[in-house]
């Protein structure tokens, strides 16, 4: 395996393991606002965002948690699983775009 690819994978793995550090943060998470928070900040909810709001409520791991599991250990596992899913989906999409662009 090429050294730069190996270093990229190692860096992503480290970041995925560190994701649960967000559980220690206080206050609101930047960019993870619901319609109520957006309306409070902007004074209104953009129409397109209002239409998509029901889509996000059906997320595989809503609020980065397993349904019915309120334990700290469950939250840590859910955060790491969310990171893994995000990296796999994001990396897969980028890989496919790269293959299509280079036509290999």
N, C-alpha and C. Protein backbone atom coordinates (compact mmCIF):
# COMPACT_ATOMS: atom_id res chain seq x y z
N UNK A 1 0.85 -1.18 0.00
CA UNK A 1 0.00 0.00 0.00
C UNK A 1 0.89 1.24 0.00
N UNK A 2 0.49 2.21 -0.77
CA UNK A 2 1.25 3.45 -0.88
C UNK A 2 1.27 4.17 0.47
N UNK A 3 2.41 4.79 0.80
CA UNK A 3 2.59 5.41 2.12
C UNK A 3 1.57 6.52 2.38
N UNK A 4 1.26 7.33 1.37
CA UNK A 4 0.32 8.43 1.58
C UNK A 4 -1.09 7.89 1.85
N UNK A 5 -1.47 6.82 1.17
CA UNK A 5 -2.79 6.21 1.41
C UNK A 5 -2.84 5.61 2.80
N UNK A 6 -1.77 4.94 3.18
CA UNK A 6 -1.70 4.34 4.52
C UNK A 6 -1.82 5.41 5.59
N UNK A 7 -1.12 6.54 5.42
CA UNK A 7 -1.18 7.63 6.39
C UNK A 7 -2.58 8.25 6.44
N UNK A 8 -3.25 8.36 5.28
CA UNK A 8 -4.60 8.88 5.24
C UNK A 8 -5.55 7.96 6.02
N UNK A 9 -5.45 6.67 5.78
CA UNK A 9 -6.30 5.70 6.49
C UNK A 9 -6.03 5.74 7.98
N UNK A 10 -4.77 5.81 8.37
CA UNK A 10 -4.41 5.87 9.79
C UNK A 10 -4.98 7.14 10.43
N UNK A 11 -4.87 8.27 9.75
CA UNK A 11 -5.42 9.52 10.26
C UNK A 11 -6.92 9.46 10.43
N UNK A 12 -7.61 8.87 9.43
CA UNK A 12 -9.06 8.74 9.53
C UNK A 12 -9.46 7.82 10.68
N UNK A 13 -8.74 6.74 10.88
CA UNK A 13 -9.03 5.83 11.99
C UNK A 13 -8.86 6.53 13.34
N UNK A 14 -7.81 7.32 13.47
CA UNK A 14 -7.58 8.06 14.72
C UNK A 14 -8.72 9.05 14.96
N UNK A 15 -9.12 9.77 13.91
CA UNK A 15 -10.21 10.73 14.05
C UNK A 15 -11.53 10.04 14.41
N UNK A 16 -11.77 8.85 13.82
CA UNK A 16 -13.01 8.13 14.14
C UNK A 16 -13.04 7.70 15.60
N UNK A 17 -11.90 7.32 16.13
CA UNK A 17 -11.84 6.91 17.54
C UNK A 17 -12.01 8.11 18.46
N UNK A 18 -11.57 9.29 18.01
CA UNK A 18 -11.66 10.49 18.84
C UNK A 18 -13.02 11.18 18.76
N UNK A 19 -13.88 10.76 17.85
CA UNK A 19 -15.20 11.39 17.67
C UNK A 19 -15.99 11.50 18.97
N UNK A 20 -16.01 10.48 19.84
CA UNK A 20 -16.82 10.60 21.06
C UNK A 20 -16.38 11.71 22.02
N UNK A 21 -15.25 12.34 21.77
CA UNK A 21 -14.86 13.47 22.60
C UNK A 21 -15.91 14.58 22.53
N UNK A 22 -16.69 14.60 21.46
CA UNK A 22 -17.78 15.57 21.33
C UNK A 22 -18.83 15.42 22.42
N UNK A 23 -18.91 14.25 23.02
CA UNK A 23 -19.86 14.04 24.11
C UNK A 23 -19.49 14.85 25.35
N UNK A 24 -18.23 15.23 25.46
CA UNK A 24 -17.78 16.01 26.62
C UNK A 24 -18.08 17.50 26.47
N UNK A 25 -18.38 17.93 25.25
CA UNK A 25 -18.62 19.35 24.99
C UNK A 25 -19.93 19.80 25.61
N UNK A 26 -19.97 21.07 25.98
CA UNK A 26 -21.20 21.65 26.51
C UNK A 26 -21.79 22.61 25.48
N UNK A 27 -23.05 22.91 25.61
CA UNK A 27 -23.69 23.83 24.68
C UNK A 27 -24.18 23.10 23.44
N UNK A 28 -24.56 23.90 22.45
CA UNK A 28 -25.10 23.32 21.22
C UNK A 28 -23.99 22.99 20.23
N UNK A 29 -24.29 22.03 19.37
CA UNK A 29 -23.34 21.62 18.35
C UNK A 29 -23.55 22.49 17.12
N UNK A 30 -22.48 23.08 16.62
CA UNK A 30 -22.57 23.96 15.47
C UNK A 30 -23.07 23.21 14.25
N UNK A 31 -24.10 23.73 13.61
CA UNK A 31 -24.59 23.17 12.38
C UNK A 31 -25.57 22.02 12.54
N UNK A 32 -25.82 21.58 13.74
CA UNK A 32 -26.76 20.47 13.94
C UNK A 32 -28.05 21.01 14.56
N UNK A 33 -28.59 22.02 13.92
CA UNK A 33 -29.77 22.68 14.44
C UNK A 33 -31.01 22.10 13.81
N UNK A 34 -32.05 22.00 14.60
CA UNK A 34 -33.36 21.63 14.09
C UNK A 34 -34.07 22.88 13.61
N UNK A 35 -35.29 22.70 13.10
CA UNK A 35 -36.05 23.85 12.60
C UNK A 35 -36.29 24.90 13.68
N UNK A 36 -36.49 24.45 14.92
CA UNK A 36 -36.75 25.41 16.00
C UNK A 36 -35.54 26.31 16.23
N UNK A 37 -34.35 25.72 16.25
CA UNK A 37 -33.14 26.51 16.49
C UNK A 37 -32.86 27.46 15.32
N UNK A 38 -33.11 26.99 14.10
CA UNK A 38 -32.89 27.85 12.93
C UNK A 38 -33.86 29.02 12.94
N UNK A 39 -35.11 28.75 13.29
CA UNK A 39 -36.08 29.84 13.36
C UNK A 39 -35.69 30.84 14.44
N UNK A 40 -35.17 30.34 15.54
CA UNK A 40 -34.72 31.22 16.62
C UNK A 40 -33.55 32.10 16.17
N UNK A 41 -32.63 31.54 15.39
CA UNK A 41 -31.45 32.27 14.95
C UNK A 41 -31.74 33.21 13.77
N UNK A 42 -32.55 32.73 12.79
CA UNK A 42 -32.79 33.51 11.58
C UNK A 42 -34.10 34.28 11.59
N UNK A 43 -35.04 33.82 12.40
CA UNK A 43 -36.35 34.43 12.40
C UNK A 43 -37.33 33.70 11.50
N UNK A 44 -36.83 32.76 10.69
CA UNK A 44 -37.69 31.96 9.81
C UNK A 44 -36.93 30.69 9.44
N UNK A 45 -37.66 29.73 8.86
CA UNK A 45 -37.04 28.50 8.38
C UNK A 45 -37.14 28.51 6.86
N UNK A 46 -36.01 28.42 6.14
CA UNK A 46 -36.08 28.39 4.67
C UNK A 46 -36.98 27.25 4.19
N UNK A 47 -37.73 27.51 3.10
CA UNK A 47 -38.72 26.55 2.62
C UNK A 47 -38.11 25.19 2.28
N UNK A 48 -36.99 25.18 1.59
CA UNK A 48 -36.35 23.92 1.22
C UNK A 48 -35.94 23.12 2.44
N UNK A 49 -35.47 23.79 3.46
CA UNK A 49 -35.06 23.11 4.69
C UNK A 49 -36.28 22.55 5.42
N UNK A 50 -37.36 23.29 5.37
CA UNK A 50 -38.61 22.82 5.99
C UNK A 50 -39.08 21.54 5.32
N UNK A 51 -38.97 21.49 4.00
CA UNK A 51 -39.41 20.31 3.25
C UNK A 51 -38.53 19.08 3.55
N UNK A 52 -37.25 19.31 3.80
CA UNK A 52 -36.33 18.21 4.06
C UNK A 52 -36.31 17.77 5.52
N UNK A 53 -36.97 18.50 6.39
CA UNK A 53 -36.86 18.22 7.83
C UNK A 53 -37.35 16.83 8.19
N UNK A 54 -38.36 16.32 7.51
CA UNK A 54 -38.85 14.99 7.84
C UNK A 54 -37.87 13.91 7.39
N UNK A 55 -37.10 14.18 6.34
CA UNK A 55 -36.09 13.22 5.87
C UNK A 55 -35.05 12.95 6.96
N UNK A 56 -34.58 13.98 7.62
CA UNK A 56 -33.53 13.82 8.63
C UNK A 56 -34.04 13.16 9.90
N UNK A 57 -35.34 13.22 10.15
CA UNK A 57 -35.90 12.58 11.34
C UNK A 57 -35.89 11.07 11.22
N UNK A 58 -35.74 10.55 10.00
CA UNK A 58 -35.70 9.11 9.79
C UNK A 58 -34.27 8.62 9.62
N UNK A 59 -33.33 9.29 10.22
CA UNK A 59 -31.92 8.91 10.10
C UNK A 59 -31.69 7.55 10.74
N UNK A 60 -30.68 6.80 10.23
CA UNK A 60 -30.40 5.47 10.80
C UNK A 60 -30.03 5.53 12.29
N UNK A 61 -29.28 6.54 12.69
CA UNK A 61 -28.91 6.73 14.10
C UNK A 61 -29.27 8.15 14.52
N UNK A 62 -30.57 8.44 14.71
CA UNK A 62 -30.94 9.80 15.09
C UNK A 62 -30.28 10.21 16.40
N UNK A 63 -29.77 11.42 16.43
CA UNK A 63 -29.06 11.96 17.59
C UNK A 63 -27.86 11.11 17.98
N UNK A 64 -27.30 10.39 17.02
CA UNK A 64 -26.11 9.55 17.24
C UNK A 64 -26.32 8.58 18.40
N UNK A 65 -27.48 7.98 18.48
CA UNK A 65 -27.78 7.07 19.59
C UNK A 65 -28.62 5.90 19.12
N UNK A 66 -28.49 4.79 19.83
CA UNK A 66 -29.32 3.63 19.56
C UNK A 66 -30.64 3.83 20.29
N UNK A 67 -31.71 3.42 19.67
CA UNK A 67 -33.04 3.59 20.27
C UNK A 67 -33.13 2.83 21.59
N UNK A 68 -33.50 3.54 22.63
CA UNK A 68 -33.69 2.93 23.94
C UNK A 68 -32.43 2.77 24.77
N UNK A 69 -31.28 3.10 24.22
CA UNK A 69 -30.02 2.95 24.97
C UNK A 69 -29.54 4.33 25.43
N UNK A 70 -29.62 4.58 26.71
CA UNK A 70 -29.23 5.87 27.27
C UNK A 70 -27.86 5.82 27.93
N UNK A 71 -27.16 4.70 27.83
CA UNK A 71 -25.88 4.55 28.52
C UNK A 71 -24.78 5.33 27.81
N UNK A 72 -23.74 5.70 28.56
CA UNK A 72 -22.60 6.40 28.00
C UNK A 72 -21.85 5.50 27.02
N UNK A 73 -21.75 4.22 27.35
CA UNK A 73 -21.06 3.28 26.47
C UNK A 73 -21.80 3.15 25.13
N UNK A 74 -23.12 3.11 25.18
CA UNK A 74 -23.92 3.05 23.96
C UNK A 74 -23.73 4.29 23.10
N UNK A 75 -23.63 5.46 23.76
CA UNK A 75 -23.42 6.70 23.02
C UNK A 75 -22.06 6.72 22.33
N UNK A 76 -21.03 6.24 23.02
CA UNK A 76 -19.69 6.19 22.44
C UNK A 76 -19.68 5.28 21.22
N UNK A 77 -20.28 4.11 21.35
CA UNK A 77 -20.33 3.16 20.23
C UNK A 77 -21.11 3.76 19.06
N UNK A 78 -22.24 4.41 19.35
CA UNK A 78 -23.05 5.02 18.30
C UNK A 78 -22.28 6.15 17.59
N UNK A 79 -21.53 6.94 18.33
CA UNK A 79 -20.74 8.02 17.73
C UNK A 79 -19.67 7.43 16.80
N UNK A 80 -18.98 6.40 17.26
CA UNK A 80 -17.93 5.79 16.43
C UNK A 80 -18.57 5.14 15.20
N UNK A 81 -19.68 4.44 15.38
CA UNK A 81 -20.37 3.83 14.24
C UNK A 81 -20.83 4.89 13.24
N UNK A 82 -21.31 6.01 13.72
CA UNK A 82 -21.71 7.11 12.83
C UNK A 82 -20.52 7.62 12.04
N UNK A 83 -19.37 7.74 12.70
CA UNK A 83 -18.16 8.19 12.02
C UNK A 83 -17.73 7.19 10.96
N UNK A 84 -17.77 5.91 11.29
CA UNK A 84 -17.38 4.88 10.32
C UNK A 84 -18.32 4.91 9.12
N UNK A 85 -19.62 4.99 9.37
CA UNK A 85 -20.59 5.04 8.27
C UNK A 85 -20.33 6.27 7.39
N UNK A 86 -20.08 7.41 8.01
CA UNK A 86 -19.82 8.63 7.25
C UNK A 86 -18.56 8.54 6.42
N UNK A 87 -17.51 7.97 6.97
CA UNK A 87 -16.25 7.83 6.23
C UNK A 87 -16.41 6.84 5.08
N UNK A 88 -17.10 5.74 5.33
CA UNK A 88 -17.30 4.74 4.27
C UNK A 88 -18.15 5.31 3.13
N UNK A 89 -19.24 5.98 3.47
CA UNK A 89 -20.08 6.57 2.43
C UNK A 89 -19.34 7.68 1.69
N UNK A 90 -18.75 8.61 2.45
CA UNK A 90 -18.02 9.71 1.82
C UNK A 90 -16.85 9.22 0.99
N UNK A 91 -16.07 8.30 1.55
CA UNK A 91 -14.93 7.76 0.82
C UNK A 91 -15.36 6.98 -0.41
N UNK A 92 -16.46 6.23 -0.29
CA UNK A 92 -16.96 5.48 -1.43
C UNK A 92 -17.41 6.38 -2.56
N UNK A 93 -18.13 7.44 -2.21
CA UNK A 93 -18.59 8.38 -3.24
C UNK A 93 -17.39 9.05 -3.91
N UNK A 94 -16.42 9.49 -3.13
CA UNK A 94 -15.23 10.12 -3.71
C UNK A 94 -14.46 9.14 -4.59
N UNK A 95 -14.36 7.89 -4.16
CA UNK A 95 -13.68 6.87 -4.94
C UNK A 95 -14.37 6.66 -6.29
N UNK A 96 -15.70 6.55 -6.25
CA UNK A 96 -16.45 6.35 -7.50
C UNK A 96 -16.33 7.56 -8.43
N UNK A 97 -16.41 8.76 -7.87
CA UNK A 97 -16.22 9.96 -8.70
C UNK A 97 -14.82 9.97 -9.29
N UNK A 98 -13.84 9.64 -8.47
CA UNK A 98 -12.46 9.61 -8.97
C UNK A 98 -12.28 8.61 -10.09
N UNK A 99 -12.85 7.44 -9.94
CA UNK A 99 -12.77 6.41 -11.00
C UNK A 99 -13.45 6.90 -12.27
N UNK A 100 -14.60 7.56 -12.11
CA UNK A 100 -15.32 8.03 -13.28
C UNK A 100 -14.57 9.15 -13.99
N UNK A 101 -13.99 10.04 -13.20
CA UNK A 101 -13.24 11.16 -13.79
C UNK A 101 -12.00 10.67 -14.53
N UNK A 102 -11.28 9.74 -13.91
CA UNK A 102 -10.05 9.25 -14.55
C UNK A 102 -10.33 8.16 -15.57
N UNK A 103 -11.56 7.63 -15.59
CA UNK A 103 -11.99 6.60 -16.53
C UNK A 103 -11.07 5.38 -16.53
N UNK A 104 -10.71 4.93 -15.32
CA UNK A 104 -9.86 3.72 -15.21
C UNK A 104 -10.69 2.50 -15.06
